Amino acid sequence: MNQTLVQKLTRTKPVGSGGAAAESLHDTGLSRSIGLFSLTMIGVGATIGTGIFFTMVEAVPKAGPSVILSFLLAALTAGLTALCYAELSFRIPASGSAYSFAYSTVGEFLAFIVAFCLLLEYGLAASATAIGWSDYLNNFLINAFGWQIPEALRSPMIVSTAEGTIYNLNHFNLPPMILVALCCILLIRGTK
C-alpha cells in the first residue's frame, strides 16, 4: 500500500501490553539500571544546578525579590507537568518519556520535533550548569588555595556586551569542557 507523505509523518507506534518503549527495550537488549531514588536525584540535581545556583546569580540583581514569584510559578508549572505525565503514563503504558508519548499519540514527525527540543533543552541546561560550576570552582580555588585558573582558560570566547559582541579567540572556558567530557564518558560507560 502506497502511503502519502502526511500519512508517513503522522503514523503512530502501536502501544501493546508492554508499551512501545518496552518492546524496543527487548529488541535492543537494554535493561533498566536506574531506580526511583537515582532518577529523582538526577532531576533534583538538574533543577538545583541550573535553576538555583546559576539562575539566581543572574536573576536576583536584576529582578530582586520578584524572583521568588517566578520560582513559585515554576514550581506550580512543574507540579502540573508531573500530573500530566502521570495521566499519560496511565493512559499509555510506555517508558514515560515525552518522545514516546508523542510518538504514540500525534505521530512520528511531531515526536521527532519533541525529541529535538528535548536535546536542545538538555544541552542548554547542561552548558549553563557547567558554566556556573566553572565560576564556583574558580572561587573555591581562590578561597581555599589562593590560586585561580588563568583568565585565558576560564573566560568565554564570545561575549555579548552593551557595546556589541566581543570575540576573544585566544580564550576558552576549560573547566566546563572538562566537566562535560567527564559526563560524556560516564554516559558512554553506562549508568549503574
Protein backbone atom coordinates (compact mmCIF):
# COMPACT_ATOMS: atom_id res chain seq x y z
CA MET A 1 0.00 0.00 0.00
CA ASN A 2 1.38 3.40 -1.00
CA GLN A 3 1.28 5.91 1.85
CA THR A 4 1.15 9.65 1.32
CA LEU A 5 3.70 11.93 2.93
CA VAL A 6 1.18 13.11 5.53
CA GLN A 7 0.34 9.50 6.45
CA LYS A 8 4.04 8.70 6.83
CA LEU A 9 4.65 11.75 9.03
CA THR A 10 1.66 11.11 11.28
CA ARG A 11 1.97 7.34 11.70
CA THR A 12 1.96 6.27 15.32
CA LYS A 13 3.60 3.36 17.07
CA PRO A 14 1.06 0.89 18.45
CA VAL A 15 1.08 0.54 22.19
CA GLY A 16 0.82 -3.09 23.24
CA SER A 17 0.57 -4.53 26.71
CA GLY A 18 4.19 -3.69 27.45
CA GLY A 19 4.12 -0.33 25.73
CA ALA A 20 6.04 0.99 22.75
CA ALA A 21 9.21 1.59 24.69
CA ALA A 22 9.14 -1.81 26.38
CA GLU A 23 9.05 -3.56 23.01
CA SER A 24 12.05 -1.57 21.79
CA LEU A 25 13.91 -2.29 25.04
CA HIS A 26 13.62 -6.02 24.47
CA ASP A 27 14.77 -5.63 20.87
CA THR A 28 17.99 -3.81 21.80
CA GLY A 29 18.85 -5.74 24.94
CA LEU A 30 18.79 -2.67 27.19
CA SER A 31 17.78 -3.14 30.78
CA ARG A 32 16.74 -0.71 33.46
CA SER A 33 19.63 0.22 35.70
CA ILE A 34 18.39 3.46 37.29
CA GLY A 35 15.97 3.15 40.18
CA LEU A 36 13.49 5.62 41.59
CA PHE A 37 15.98 7.22 44.01
CA SER A 38 18.69 7.66 41.36
CA LEU A 39 16.25 9.13 38.87
CA THR A 40 14.88 11.51 41.50
CA MET A 41 18.39 12.64 42.39
CA ILE A 42 19.20 13.32 38.72
CA GLY A 43 16.09 15.52 38.48
CA VAL A 44 16.85 17.33 41.73
CA GLY A 45 20.47 17.84 40.67
CA ALA A 46 19.46 19.32 37.33
CA THR A 47 16.91 21.58 38.99
CA ILE A 48 19.25 22.81 41.72
CA GLY A 49 22.25 23.10 39.43
CA THR A 50 20.62 25.15 36.72
CA GLY A 51 17.62 26.61 38.48
CA ILE A 52 19.12 27.82 41.70
CA PHE A 53 22.90 28.12 41.62
CA PHE A 54 23.22 29.59 38.15
CA THR A 55 19.91 31.40 37.59
CA MET A 56 19.82 33.10 40.98
CA VAL A 57 23.18 34.75 40.38
CA GLU A 58 21.88 36.25 37.14
CA ALA A 59 18.28 36.99 38.15
CA VAL A 60 18.45 38.45 41.67
CA PRO A 61 20.49 41.57 40.83
CA LYS A 62 18.05 42.41 38.02
CA ALA A 63 14.68 41.33 39.41
CA GLY A 64 15.19 41.43 43.16
CA PRO A 65 12.58 39.78 45.41
CA SER A 66 10.23 39.07 42.50
CA VAL A 67 12.47 36.09 41.68
CA ILE A 68 10.61 34.25 44.45
CA LEU A 69 7.36 34.68 42.49
CA SER A 70 8.98 33.26 39.37
CA PHE A 71 10.20 30.23 41.32
CA LEU A 72 6.70 29.71 42.76
CA LEU A 73 5.25 29.91 39.25
CA ALA A 74 7.89 27.44 38.03
CA ALA A 75 7.04 25.09 40.93
CA LEU A 76 3.33 25.23 40.05
CA THR A 77 4.16 24.55 36.39
CA ALA A 78 6.40 21.62 37.33
CA GLY A 79 3.68 20.16 39.54
CA LEU A 80 1.07 20.41 36.79
CA THR A 81 3.53 18.87 34.33
CA ALA A 82 4.06 15.97 36.72
CA LEU A 83 0.28 15.44 36.87
CA CYS A 84 0.13 15.44 33.05
CA TYR A 85 2.92 12.86 32.89
CA ALA A 86 1.14 10.73 35.47
CA GLU A 87 -2.06 10.80 33.42
CA LEU A 88 -0.20 10.00 30.20
CA SER A 89 1.68 7.12 31.82
CA PHE A 90 -1.64 5.70 32.99
CA ARG A 91 -3.21 6.00 29.53
CA ILE A 92 -0.12 4.96 27.54
CA PRO A 93 1.94 2.37 29.45
CA ALA A 94 5.26 3.24 27.84
CA SER A 95 8.59 4.31 29.25
CA GLY A 96 7.25 7.69 30.29
CA SER A 97 9.29 9.96 28.05
CA ALA A 98 7.83 12.88 26.14
CA TYR A 99 9.14 11.31 22.93
CA SER A 100 7.32 8.01 23.42
CA PHE A 101 4.11 9.79 24.42
CA ALA A 102 4.28 12.00 21.32
CA TYR A 103 5.11 9.01 19.10
CA SER A 104 2.12 7.07 20.43
CA THR A 105 -0.37 9.91 20.15
CA VAL A 106 0.43 12.50 17.48
CA GLY A 107 2.84 10.69 15.18
CA GLU A 108 6.41 10.19 14.14
CA PHE A 109 7.19 13.67 12.80
CA LEU A 110 5.98 15.57 15.87
CA ALA A 111 7.75 13.03 18.07
CA PHE A 112 10.95 13.86 16.18
CA ILE A 113 10.36 17.57 16.86
CA VAL A 114 9.77 16.81 20.56
CA ALA A 115 12.98 14.76 20.72
CA PHE A 116 14.93 17.56 19.04
CA CYS A 117 13.55 20.11 21.52
CA LEU A 118 14.46 17.80 24.43
CA LEU A 119 18.04 17.53 23.14
CA LEU A 120 18.25 21.33 22.89
CA GLU A 121 16.83 21.68 26.40
CA TYR A 122 19.28 19.21 27.91
CA GLY A 123 22.19 20.77 26.05
CA LEU A 124 21.29 24.26 27.26
CA ALA A 125 20.73 23.12 30.85
CA ALA A 126 24.00 21.16 30.91
CA SER A 127 26.01 24.03 29.43
CA ALA A 128 24.51 26.59 31.83
CA THR A 129 25.23 24.32 34.79
CA ALA A 130 28.78 23.64 33.59
CA ILE A 131 29.50 27.36 33.13
CA GLY A 132 28.08 28.17 36.56
CA TRP A 133 30.12 25.32 38.05
CA SER A 134 33.25 26.79 36.45
CA ASP A 135 32.74 30.07 38.31
CA TYR A 136 32.17 28.21 41.58
CA LEU A 137 35.30 26.12 41.01
CA ASN A 138 37.41 29.22 40.39
CA ASN A 139 36.01 30.93 43.52
CA PHE A 140 36.74 27.78 45.54
CA LEU A 141 40.34 27.66 44.29
CA ILE A 142 40.83 31.34 45.16
CA ASN A 143 39.36 30.99 48.68
CA ALA A 144 40.95 27.62 49.51
CA PHE A 145 44.38 27.85 47.90
CA GLY A 146 44.84 31.47 46.83
CA TRP A 147 45.22 30.34 43.21
CA GLN A 148 42.89 30.89 40.30
CA ILE A 149 42.54 29.45 36.85
CA PRO A 150 44.25 31.73 34.31
CA GLU A 151 41.93 34.20 32.58
CA ALA A 152 42.54 32.67 29.13
CA LEU A 153 41.39 29.25 30.42
CA ARG A 154 38.24 30.40 32.25
CA SER A 155 36.67 33.11 30.13
CA PRO A 156 34.34 32.67 27.15
CA MET A 157 35.40 33.11 23.54
CA ILE A 158 32.35 35.20 22.62
CA VAL A 159 31.00 37.86 24.99
CA SER A 160 27.91 39.96 24.33
CA THR A 161 28.09 43.43 25.84
CA ALA A 162 26.05 46.63 25.54
CA GLU A 163 28.59 47.94 23.02
CA GLY A 164 28.40 44.80 20.87
CA THR A 165 29.87 41.33 20.58
CA ILE A 166 33.49 40.78 21.60
CA TYR A 167 35.43 37.84 20.16
CA ASN A 168 38.34 36.53 22.25
CA LEU A 169 39.72 33.80 20.03
CA ASN A 170 42.63 33.06 22.40
CA HIS A 171 40.26 32.40 25.33
CA PHE A 172 38.13 29.35 26.14
CA ASN A 173 36.38 28.09 29.24
CA LEU A 174 38.27 24.88 30.06
CA PRO A 175 36.56 23.67 33.30
CA PRO A 176 33.09 23.28 31.70
CA MET A 177 34.65 21.46 28.75
CA ILE A 178 36.34 19.01 31.14
CA LEU A 179 33.12 18.55 33.13
CA VAL A 180 31.04 17.87 30.01
CA ALA A 181 33.70 15.44 28.70
CA LEU A 182 33.66 13.54 32.02
CA CYS A 183 29.85 13.36 31.92
CA CYS A 184 30.03 12.05 28.34
CA ILE A 185 32.49 9.35 29.44
CA LEU A 186 30.12 8.35 32.24
CA LEU A 187 27.19 8.19 29.82
CA ILE A 188 29.17 6.15 27.29
CA ARG A 189 30.26 3.77 30.03
CA GLY A 190 26.68 3.48 31.24
CA THR A 191 24.96 4.50 34.44
CA LYS A 192 24.69 1.95 37.22
